[in-house]
Amino acid sequence: MLLSFLTTLSKWAIPFLLLIIPVFGFIRKVPVYEAFVEGAEEGFSTVVKIIPFLVGMMIAISVFRASGAMDYLSRAVAPLTTLTGAPSELLPLAVMRPLSGSAVLGLATEIMKVYGPDSFIGRCASVMQGTTDTTFFVLTIYFGAVGIKKYRYSIITGLSADISGFLASIYICNLIFK
């Protein structure tokens, strides 16, 4: 019963919002179309400001992976991961997660193809995918777009959260799936 209700609710949520927002704006005498166009114009200018930061970050990630630095880092940290109960196959996922969500999605897809989604490694990869955010992506794109220059504490906080998320996902997966 509840599942059926939630399924129906999720099907109609977006069409309902697409209808109710303009109606609500019309009732409040807001020029809905003009406000939409103004917001789209503002969004476009934000995208134009973000593009250089995005290109720079993507090039840095590509160089990091293509140079073999990620493989060297993974091998160097592998003894530490075995102490935490983390499979060494997940290390590239943990290293790339703070950098790029799309790169991690590709790595997780490769892990699922090799080990299967119902394997311990596949399940850990899935949990890790949802536990942290792309710290450097957020700092590069969003902070760069609004002109924040001093983000030292944000890096420390973001990477601390990434490490905590990695360790928590490994702990929970070992607790539940082993």
N, C-alpha and C. Protein backbone atom coordinates (compact mmCIF):
# COMPACT_ATOMS: atom_id res chain seq x y z
N MET A 1 0.82 -1.20 0.00
CA MET A 1 0.00 0.00 0.00
C MET A 1 0.87 1.26 0.00
N LEU A 2 1.82 1.32 0.94
CA LEU A 2 2.70 2.48 1.03
C LEU A 2 3.58 2.60 -0.21
N LEU A 3 4.09 1.46 -0.68
CA LEU A 3 4.93 1.46 -1.88
C LEU A 3 4.15 1.96 -3.09
N SER A 4 2.92 1.54 -3.20
CA SER A 4 2.06 1.99 -4.31
C SER A 4 1.82 3.50 -4.23
N PHE A 5 1.58 3.99 -3.03
CA PHE A 5 1.37 5.43 -2.84
C PHE A 5 2.61 6.22 -3.20
N LEU A 6 3.79 5.75 -2.74
CA LEU A 6 5.04 6.45 -3.04
C LEU A 6 5.36 6.42 -4.53
N THR A 7 5.06 5.32 -5.19
CA THR A 7 5.29 5.23 -6.63
C THR A 7 4.41 6.23 -7.37
N THR A 8 3.15 6.30 -7.01
CA THR A 8 2.23 7.25 -7.64
C THR A 8 2.66 8.68 -7.34
N LEU A 9 3.03 8.93 -6.10
CA LEU A 9 3.48 10.27 -5.72
C LEU A 9 4.71 10.69 -6.52
N SER A 10 5.67 9.79 -6.69
CA SER A 10 6.88 10.13 -7.42
C SER A 10 6.60 10.37 -8.90
N LYS A 11 5.63 9.68 -9.46
CA LYS A 11 5.27 9.90 -10.87
C LYS A 11 4.69 11.29 -11.10
N TRP A 12 3.95 11.77 -10.12
CA TRP A 12 3.23 13.03 -10.30
C TRP A 12 3.91 14.24 -9.66
N ALA A 13 5.00 14.05 -8.96
CA ALA A 13 5.64 15.15 -8.23
C ALA A 13 6.12 16.26 -9.18
N ILE A 14 6.85 15.92 -10.21
CA ILE A 14 7.39 16.94 -11.11
C ILE A 14 6.29 17.61 -11.93
N PRO A 15 5.37 16.84 -12.54
CA PRO A 15 4.28 17.55 -13.24
C PRO A 15 3.47 18.48 -12.32
N PHE A 16 3.28 18.05 -11.06
CA PHE A 16 2.57 18.90 -10.11
C PHE A 16 3.34 20.19 -9.86
N LEU A 17 4.66 20.08 -9.66
CA LEU A 17 5.47 21.28 -9.43
C LEU A 17 5.48 22.19 -10.65
N LEU A 18 5.56 21.59 -11.84
CA LEU A 18 5.55 22.39 -13.07
C LEU A 18 4.23 23.13 -13.26
N LEU A 19 3.17 22.62 -12.68
CA LEU A 19 1.87 23.29 -12.76
C LEU A 19 1.70 24.29 -11.62
N ILE A 20 2.04 23.90 -10.41
CA ILE A 20 1.73 24.72 -9.23
C ILE A 20 2.60 25.97 -9.14
N ILE A 21 3.87 25.89 -9.56
CA ILE A 21 4.75 27.06 -9.45
C ILE A 21 4.26 28.22 -10.32
N PRO A 22 3.97 27.99 -11.61
CA PRO A 22 3.44 29.12 -12.39
C PRO A 22 2.08 29.62 -11.89
N VAL A 23 1.23 28.71 -11.43
CA VAL A 23 -0.08 29.12 -10.91
C VAL A 23 0.11 29.97 -9.65
N PHE A 24 1.01 29.55 -8.78
CA PHE A 24 1.28 30.30 -7.56
C PHE A 24 1.85 31.68 -7.90
N GLY A 25 2.77 31.73 -8.88
CA GLY A 25 3.32 33.01 -9.32
C GLY A 25 2.25 33.91 -9.92
N PHE A 26 1.35 33.33 -10.71
CA PHE A 26 0.26 34.10 -11.31
C PHE A 26 -0.65 34.69 -10.23
N ILE A 27 -0.96 33.90 -9.22
CA ILE A 27 -1.82 34.37 -8.12
C ILE A 27 -1.14 35.52 -7.38
N ARG A 28 0.17 35.43 -7.21
CA ARG A 28 0.90 36.49 -6.50
C ARG A 28 1.28 37.65 -7.41
N LYS A 29 0.81 37.59 -8.65
CA LYS A 29 1.04 38.64 -9.65
C LYS A 29 2.52 38.83 -10.00
N VAL A 30 3.23 37.71 -10.06
CA VAL A 30 4.62 37.70 -10.48
C VAL A 30 4.64 37.45 -11.99
N PRO A 31 5.39 38.23 -12.75
CA PRO A 31 5.51 37.95 -14.19
C PRO A 31 6.34 36.67 -14.37
N VAL A 32 5.67 35.53 -14.41
CA VAL A 32 6.33 34.22 -14.36
C VAL A 32 7.31 34.03 -15.52
N TYR A 33 6.88 34.29 -16.73
CA TYR A 33 7.74 34.07 -17.88
C TYR A 33 8.96 34.98 -17.83
N GLU A 34 8.77 36.23 -17.50
CA GLU A 34 9.88 37.18 -17.43
C GLU A 34 10.87 36.78 -16.34
N ALA A 35 10.34 36.31 -15.20
CA ALA A 35 11.20 35.86 -14.12
C ALA A 35 12.00 34.63 -14.54
N PHE A 36 11.35 33.74 -15.30
CA PHE A 36 12.04 32.56 -15.80
C PHE A 36 13.17 32.94 -16.75
N VAL A 37 12.89 33.83 -17.69
CA VAL A 37 13.89 34.26 -18.66
C VAL A 37 15.06 34.96 -17.96
N GLU A 38 14.75 35.79 -16.97
CA GLU A 38 15.80 36.48 -16.22
C GLU A 38 16.68 35.47 -15.47
N GLY A 39 16.07 34.48 -14.87
CA GLY A 39 16.83 33.44 -14.17
C GLY A 39 17.67 32.61 -15.11
N ALA A 40 17.13 32.29 -16.29
CA ALA A 40 17.89 31.53 -17.28
C ALA A 40 19.09 32.33 -17.76
N GLU A 41 18.91 33.63 -17.95
CA GLU A 41 20.01 34.49 -18.38
C GLU A 41 21.11 34.53 -17.32
N GLU A 42 20.70 34.62 -16.06
CA GLU A 42 21.64 34.63 -14.95
C GLU A 42 22.38 33.29 -14.87
N GLY A 43 21.65 32.19 -15.09
CA GLY A 43 22.26 30.86 -15.08
C GLY A 43 23.28 30.71 -16.20
N PHE A 44 22.97 31.26 -17.37
CA PHE A 44 23.89 31.18 -18.50
C PHE A 44 25.18 31.93 -18.20
N SER A 45 25.06 33.09 -17.59
CA SER A 45 26.29 33.84 -17.27
C SER A 45 27.11 33.10 -16.21
N THR A 46 26.45 32.41 -15.30
CA THR A 46 27.17 31.61 -14.31
C THR A 46 27.93 30.47 -14.98
N VAL A 47 27.28 29.82 -15.95
CA VAL A 47 27.93 28.73 -16.68
C VAL A 47 29.16 29.24 -17.41
N VAL A 48 29.06 30.40 -18.02
CA VAL A 48 30.20 30.97 -18.74
C VAL A 48 31.36 31.24 -17.78
N LYS A 49 31.05 31.68 -16.56
CA LYS A 49 32.11 31.93 -15.56
C LYS A 49 32.73 30.62 -15.07
N ILE A 50 31.95 29.54 -15.02
CA ILE A 50 32.40 28.27 -14.47
C ILE A 50 33.26 27.48 -15.45
N ILE A 51 33.06 27.64 -16.75
CA ILE A 51 33.71 26.80 -17.75
C ILE A 51 35.23 26.74 -17.59
N PRO A 52 35.95 27.84 -17.41
CA PRO A 52 37.42 27.71 -17.25
C PRO A 52 37.84 26.85 -16.06
N PHE A 53 37.13 26.98 -14.95
CA PHE A 53 37.44 26.17 -13.77
C PHE A 53 37.17 24.69 -14.06
N LEU A 54 36.07 24.41 -14.73
CA LEU A 54 35.70 23.04 -15.06
C LEU A 54 36.72 22.41 -16.00
N VAL A 55 37.12 23.11 -17.03
CA VAL A 55 38.11 22.60 -17.98
C VAL A 55 39.43 22.33 -17.27
N GLY A 56 39.87 23.25 -16.43
CA GLY A 56 41.12 23.06 -15.69
C GLY A 56 41.07 21.84 -14.79
N MET A 57 39.96 21.65 -14.10
CA MET A 57 39.83 20.51 -13.21
C MET A 57 39.81 19.21 -14.00
N MET A 58 39.10 19.16 -15.11
CA MET A 58 39.02 17.95 -15.92
C MET A 58 40.40 17.58 -16.50
N ILE A 59 41.15 18.57 -16.91
CA ILE A 59 42.50 18.30 -17.43
C ILE A 59 43.39 17.76 -16.30
N ALA A 60 43.30 18.34 -15.13
CA ALA A 60 44.12 17.88 -14.00
C ALA A 60 43.77 16.43 -13.64
N ILE A 61 42.49 16.08 -13.64
CA ILE A 61 42.08 14.70 -13.34
C ILE A 61 42.60 13.74 -14.41
N SER A 62 42.49 14.15 -15.66
CA SER A 62 42.98 13.29 -16.75
C SER A 62 44.48 13.06 -16.64
N VAL A 63 45.23 14.09 -16.34
CA VAL A 63 46.68 13.95 -16.18
C VAL A 63 47.00 13.05 -14.98
N PHE A 64 46.26 13.22 -13.90
CA PHE A 64 46.47 12.41 -12.69
C PHE A 64 46.28 10.93 -13.00
N ARG A 65 45.22 10.59 -13.72
CA ARG A 65 44.96 9.19 -14.06
C ARG A 65 45.91 8.67 -15.13
N ALA A 66 46.13 9.44 -16.20
CA ALA A 66 46.94 8.98 -17.32
C ALA A 66 48.42 8.84 -16.95
N SER A 67 48.89 9.62 -16.01
CA SER A 67 50.29 9.56 -15.62
C SER A 67 50.62 8.34 -14.77
N GLY A 68 49.60 7.68 -14.27
CA GLY A 68 49.81 6.52 -13.40
C GLY A 68 49.93 6.90 -11.94
N ALA A 69 49.77 8.19 -11.63
CA ALA A 69 49.90 8.64 -10.24
C ALA A 69 48.84 7.99 -9.34
N MET A 70 47.64 7.78 -9.89
CA MET A 70 46.59 7.16 -9.08
C MET A 70 46.96 5.71 -8.76
N ASP A 71 47.55 5.00 -9.71
CA ASP A 71 47.97 3.62 -9.45
C ASP A 71 49.06 3.56 -8.39
N TYR A 72 50.03 4.48 -8.48
CA TYR A 72 51.11 4.53 -7.48
C TYR A 72 50.54 4.85 -6.10
N LEU A 73 49.64 5.80 -6.04
CA LEU A 73 49.02 6.16 -4.76
C LEU A 73 48.22 4.99 -4.20
N SER A 74 47.50 4.30 -5.05
CA SER A 74 46.71 3.15 -4.62
C SER A 74 47.61 2.06 -4.04
N ARG A 75 48.72 1.78 -4.71
CA ARG A 75 49.65 0.75 -4.23
C ARG A 75 50.30 1.18 -2.90
N ALA A 76 50.59 2.46 -2.78
CA ALA A 76 51.24 2.95 -1.56
C ALA A 76 50.32 2.86 -0.35
N VAL A 77 49.05 3.07 -0.57
CA VAL A 77 48.08 3.10 0.55
C VAL A 77 47.44 1.73 0.77
N ALA A 78 47.66 0.77 -0.11
CA ALA A 78 47.03 -0.55 -0.02
C ALA A 78 47.24 -1.24 1.34
N PRO A 79 48.44 -1.21 1.95
CA PRO A 79 48.59 -1.86 3.26
C PRO A 79 47.68 -1.24 4.33
N LEU A 80 47.48 0.04 4.24
CA LEU A 80 46.60 0.71 5.20
C LEU A 80 45.14 0.30 5.00
N THR A 81 44.73 0.13 3.75
CA THR A 81 43.33 -0.24 3.50
C THR A 81 43.03 -1.65 3.99
N THR A 82 44.00 -2.55 3.91
CA THR A 82 43.75 -3.90 4.40
C THR A 82 43.53 -3.91 5.91
N LEU A 83 44.15 -2.98 6.62
CA LEU A 83 43.92 -2.87 8.07
C LEU A 83 42.49 -2.45 8.38
N THR A 84 41.89 -1.64 7.52
CA THR A 84 40.53 -1.16 7.75
C THR A 84 39.48 -2.14 7.24
N GLY A 85 39.91 -3.20 6.54
CA GLY A 85 38.96 -4.15 5.99
C GLY A 85 38.44 -3.74 4.63
N ALA A 86 39.07 -2.75 4.03
CA ALA A 86 38.64 -2.27 2.72
C ALA A 86 39.36 -3.05 1.63
N PRO A 87 38.66 -3.56 0.66
CA PRO A 87 39.33 -4.21 -0.47
C PRO A 87 40.16 -3.18 -1.24
N SER A 88 41.36 -3.57 -1.65
CA SER A 88 42.24 -2.63 -2.34
C SER A 88 41.66 -2.19 -3.69
N GLU A 89 40.73 -2.95 -4.23
CA GLU A 89 40.09 -2.59 -5.49
C GLU A 89 39.26 -1.31 -5.37
N LEU A 90 38.91 -0.94 -4.16
CA LEU A 90 38.09 0.25 -3.94
C LEU A 90 38.92 1.52 -3.76
N LEU A 91 40.22 1.36 -3.65
CA LEU A 91 41.07 2.52 -3.40
C LEU A 91 41.01 3.57 -4.50
N PRO A 92 41.06 3.19 -5.79
CA PRO A 92 40.91 4.22 -6.82
C PRO A 92 39.59 4.99 -6.69
N LEU A 93 38.55 4.29 -6.28
CA LEU A 93 37.25 4.93 -6.08
C LEU A 93 37.34 5.95 -4.96
N ALA A 94 38.01 5.60 -3.87
CA ALA A 94 38.14 6.51 -2.73
C ALA A 94 39.02 7.70 -3.07
N VAL A 95 40.05 7.47 -3.88
CA VAL A 95 40.97 8.55 -4.25
C VAL A 95 40.28 9.53 -5.20
N MET A 96 39.50 9.00 -6.15
CA MET A 96 38.88 9.85 -7.16
C MET A 96 37.61 10.54 -6.68
N ARG A 97 36.98 10.02 -5.65
CA ARG A 97 35.69 10.57 -5.20
C ARG A 97 35.76 12.07 -4.88
N PRO A 98 36.79 12.56 -4.19
CA PRO A 98 36.83 14.00 -3.93
C PRO A 98 37.07 14.84 -5.18
N LEU A 99 37.50 14.20 -6.27
CA LEU A 99 37.85 14.95 -7.48
C LEU A 99 36.71 15.03 -8.49
N SER A 100 36.09 13.90 -8.80
CA SER A 100 35.13 13.89 -9.90
C SER A 100 34.08 12.82 -9.70
N GLY A 101 32.84 13.23 -9.70
CA GLY A 101 31.73 12.29 -9.58
C GLY A 101 31.59 11.42 -10.81
N SER A 102 31.80 11.98 -12.00
CA SER A 102 31.65 11.19 -13.21
C SER A 102 32.78 10.16 -13.34
N ALA A 103 34.00 10.52 -12.93
CA ALA A 103 35.10 9.54 -12.95
C ALA A 103 34.81 8.39 -12.00
N VAL A 104 34.26 8.71 -10.84
CA VAL A 104 33.93 7.67 -9.87
C VAL A 104 32.79 6.80 -10.37
N LEU A 105 31.86 7.39 -11.06
CA LEU A 105 30.77 6.60 -11.64
C LEU A 105 31.33 5.60 -12.65
N GLY A 106 32.30 6.05 -13.46
CA GLY A 106 32.95 5.15 -14.40
C GLY A 106 33.71 4.04 -13.70
N LEU A 107 34.44 4.39 -12.64
CA LEU A 107 35.17 3.38 -11.87
C LEU A 107 34.21 2.39 -11.21
N ALA A 108 33.12 2.90 -10.66
CA ALA A 108 32.14 2.02 -10.02
C ALA A 108 31.51 1.09 -11.05
N THR A 109 31.25 1.58 -12.24
CA THR A 109 30.70 0.75 -13.31
C THR A 109 31.67 -0.36 -13.67
N GLU A 110 32.96 -0.04 -13.75
CA GLU A 110 33.97 -1.06 -14.02
C GLU A 110 34.00 -2.10 -12.91
N ILE A 111 33.92 -1.65 -11.66
CA ILE A 111 33.91 -2.58 -10.53
C ILE A 111 32.70 -3.50 -10.61
N MET A 112 31.54 -2.94 -10.95
CA MET A 112 30.33 -3.77 -11.06
C MET A 112 30.46 -4.80 -12.18
N LYS A 113 31.08 -4.41 -13.28
CA LYS A 113 31.26 -5.35 -14.40
C LYS A 113 32.20 -6.49 -14.02
N VAL A 114 33.26 -6.16 -13.30
CA VAL A 114 34.26 -7.18 -12.95
C VAL A 114 33.79 -8.07 -11.81
N TYR A 115 33.28 -7.46 -10.73
CA TYR A 115 32.96 -8.23 -9.53
C TYR A 115 31.48 -8.50 -9.34
N GLY A 116 30.63 -7.76 -10.02
CA GLY A 116 29.19 -7.92 -9.89
C GLY A 116 28.62 -6.99 -8.84
N PRO A 117 27.38 -6.55 -9.04
CA PRO A 117 26.78 -5.60 -8.09
C PRO A 117 26.42 -6.22 -6.74
N ASP A 118 26.29 -7.55 -6.69
CA ASP A 118 25.94 -8.19 -5.43
C ASP A 118 27.15 -8.73 -4.67
N SER A 119 28.34 -8.49 -5.20
CA SER A 119 29.55 -8.89 -4.49
C SER A 119 29.82 -7.89 -3.36
N PHE A 120 30.68 -8.30 -2.44
CA PHE A 120 31.04 -7.39 -1.35
C PHE A 120 31.66 -6.12 -1.90
N ILE A 121 32.57 -6.27 -2.86
CA ILE A 121 33.23 -5.10 -3.45
C ILE A 121 32.22 -4.22 -4.18
N GLY A 122 31.29 -4.82 -4.91
CA GLY A 122 30.26 -4.05 -5.61
C GLY A 122 29.36 -3.30 -4.65
N ARG A 123 29.00 -3.95 -3.57
CA ARG A 123 28.14 -3.27 -2.58
C ARG A 123 28.88 -2.14 -1.87
N CYS A 124 30.15 -2.38 -1.54
CA CYS A 124 30.95 -1.31 -0.93
C CYS A 124 31.10 -0.13 -1.88
N ALA A 125 31.32 -0.42 -3.15
CA ALA A 125 31.44 0.66 -4.14
C ALA A 125 30.15 1.46 -4.21
N SER A 126 29.02 0.79 -4.14
CA SER A 126 27.73 1.48 -4.19
C SER A 126 27.52 2.36 -2.96
N VAL A 127 27.87 1.84 -1.80
CA VAL A 127 27.72 2.62 -0.57
C VAL A 127 28.68 3.81 -0.58
N MET A 128 29.92 3.58 -1.01
CA MET A 128 30.89 4.67 -1.07
C MET A 128 30.44 5.76 -2.03
N GLN A 129 29.79 5.35 -3.11
CA GLN A 129 29.31 6.31 -4.11
C GLN A 129 28.36 7.33 -3.48
N GLY A 130 27.61 6.89 -2.49
CA GLY A 130 26.62 7.78 -1.89
C GLY A 130 27.02 8.42 -0.57
N THR A 131 28.24 8.16 -0.09
CA THR A 131 28.58 8.67 1.24
C THR A 131 29.32 10.00 1.26
N THR A 132 29.95 10.34 0.15
CA THR A 132 30.75 11.57 0.17
C THR A 132 30.41 12.44 -1.03
N ASP A 133 30.99 13.60 -1.05
CA ASP A 133 30.76 14.53 -2.15
C ASP A 133 32.07 14.77 -2.87
N THR A 134 32.00 15.44 -3.97
CA THR A 134 33.17 15.74 -4.78
C THR A 134 33.78 17.05 -4.28
N THR A 135 34.59 16.94 -3.24
CA THR A 135 35.12 18.10 -2.53
C THR A 135 35.82 19.09 -3.45
N PHE A 136 36.76 18.61 -4.24
CA PHE A 136 37.53 19.53 -5.09
C PHE A 136 36.68 20.10 -6.22
N PHE A 137 35.71 19.32 -6.69
CA PHE A 137 34.79 19.83 -7.70
C PHE A 137 33.99 20.99 -7.13
N VAL A 138 33.47 20.81 -5.93
CA VAL A 138 32.71 21.87 -5.27
C VAL A 138 33.57 23.11 -5.06
N LEU A 139 34.79 22.89 -4.56
CA LEU A 139 35.68 24.03 -4.32
C LEU A 139 36.05 24.74 -5.62
N THR A 140 36.37 23.96 -6.64
CA THR A 140 36.80 24.55 -7.90
C THR A 140 35.67 25.30 -8.59
N ILE A 141 34.56 24.63 -8.75
CA ILE A 141 33.47 25.19 -9.54
C ILE A 141 32.68 26.24 -8.76
N TYR A 142 32.16 25.85 -7.62
CA TYR A 142 31.26 26.76 -6.90
C TYR A 142 32.01 27.90 -6.23
N PHE A 143 33.12 27.58 -5.57
CA PHE A 143 33.88 28.65 -4.93
C PHE A 143 34.47 29.57 -5.98
N GLY A 144 34.95 28.99 -7.09
CA GLY A 144 35.51 29.81 -8.17
C GLY A 144 34.47 30.70 -8.81
N ALA A 145 33.25 30.21 -8.94
CA ALA A 145 32.19 30.99 -9.58
C ALA A 145 31.81 32.22 -8.78
N VAL A 146 31.88 32.11 -7.46
CA VAL A 146 31.49 33.25 -6.63
C VAL A 146 32.68 34.03 -6.10
N GLY A 147 33.90 33.62 -6.50
CA GLY A 147 35.09 34.40 -6.18
C GLY A 147 35.67 34.19 -4.80
N ILE A 148 35.40 33.05 -4.16
CA ILE A 148 36.00 32.79 -2.86
C ILE A 148 37.45 32.39 -3.06
N LYS A 149 38.36 33.08 -2.40
CA LYS A 149 39.80 32.85 -2.57
C LYS A 149 40.40 32.07 -1.40
N LYS A 150 39.88 32.25 -0.21
CA LYS A 150 40.43 31.59 0.97
C LYS A 150 39.55 30.39 1.33
N TYR A 151 40.00 29.20 0.92
CA TYR A 151 39.19 28.02 1.17
C TYR A 151 39.98 26.90 1.85
N ARG A 152 41.01 27.28 2.59
CA ARG A 152 41.85 26.30 3.28
C ARG A 152 41.03 25.42 4.21
N TYR A 153 40.20 26.02 5.05
CA TYR A 153 39.43 25.24 6.01
C TYR A 153 38.36 24.41 5.32
N SER A 154 37.90 24.86 4.18
CA SER A 154 36.92 24.08 3.42
C SER A 154 37.56 22.81 2.89
N ILE A 155 38.80 22.89 2.46
CA ILE A 155 39.51 21.69 1.97
C ILE A 155 39.68 20.69 3.12
N ILE A 156 40.11 21.18 4.26
CA ILE A 156 40.32 20.30 5.42
C ILE A 156 39.01 19.65 5.82
N THR A 157 37.96 20.43 5.90
CA THR A 157 36.65 19.90 6.28
C THR A 157 36.14 18.91 5.26
N GLY A 158 36.24 19.26 3.98
CA GLY A 158 35.74 18.38 2.93
C GLY A 158 36.50 17.06 2.88
N LEU A 159 37.82 17.11 2.96
CA LEU A 159 38.59 15.87 2.93
C LEU A 159 38.38 15.04 4.19
N SER A 160 38.18 15.70 5.32
CA SER A 160 37.85 14.96 6.56
C SER A 160 36.53 14.23 6.40
N ALA A 161 35.57 14.90 5.80
CA ALA A 161 34.27 14.27 5.55
C ALA A 161 34.41 13.12 4.56
N ASP A 162 35.25 13.28 3.54
CA ASP A 162 35.47 12.21 2.56
C ASP A 162 36.09 10.98 3.22
N ILE A 163 37.10 11.20 4.05
CA ILE A 163 37.75 10.08 4.74
C ILE A 163 36.77 9.42 5.71
N SER A 164 36.00 10.23 6.43
CA SER A 164 35.01 9.68 7.35
C SER A 164 33.96 8.86 6.60
N GLY A 165 33.51 9.38 5.47
CA GLY A 165 32.53 8.66 4.66
C GLY A 165 33.08 7.34 4.14
N PHE A 166 34.34 7.36 3.69
CA PHE A 166 34.99 6.14 3.21
C PHE A 166 35.06 5.11 4.33
N LEU A 167 35.56 5.52 5.49
CA LEU A 167 35.71 4.58 6.62
C LEU A 167 34.35 4.09 7.12
N ALA A 168 33.37 4.98 7.17
CA ALA A 168 32.04 4.58 7.62
C ALA A 168 31.41 3.59 6.64
N SER A 169 31.59 3.82 5.34
CA SER A 169 31.00 2.90 4.37
C SER A 169 31.65 1.52 4.46
N ILE A 170 32.96 1.48 4.67
CA ILE A 170 33.65 0.19 4.82
C ILE A 170 33.18 -0.51 6.09
N TYR A 171 33.08 0.24 7.18
CA TYR A 171 32.61 -0.34 8.45
C TYR A 171 31.20 -0.91 8.30
N ILE A 172 30.30 -0.11 7.73
CA ILE A 172 28.90 -0.54 7.60
C ILE A 172 28.80 -1.75 6.67
N CYS A 173 29.55 -1.71 5.56
CA CYS A 173 29.51 -2.85 4.62
C CYS A 173 30.06 -4.12 5.28
N ASN A 174 31.13 -3.98 6.05
CA ASN A 174 31.66 -5.15 6.77
C ASN A 174 30.66 -5.66 7.79
N LEU A 175 29.94 -4.76 8.41
CA LEU A 175 28.96 -5.11 9.42
C LEU A 175 27.75 -5.82 8.79
N ILE A 176 27.29 -5.32 7.66
CA ILE A 176 26.04 -5.82 7.07
C ILE A 176 26.28 -6.95 6.07
N PHE A 177 27.28 -6.81 5.21
CA PHE A 177 27.41 -7.73 4.08
C PHE A 177 28.41 -8.86 4.27
N LYS A 178 29.17 -8.87 5.34
CA LYS A 178 30.11 -9.97 5.56
C LYS A 178 29.63 -10.90 6.63
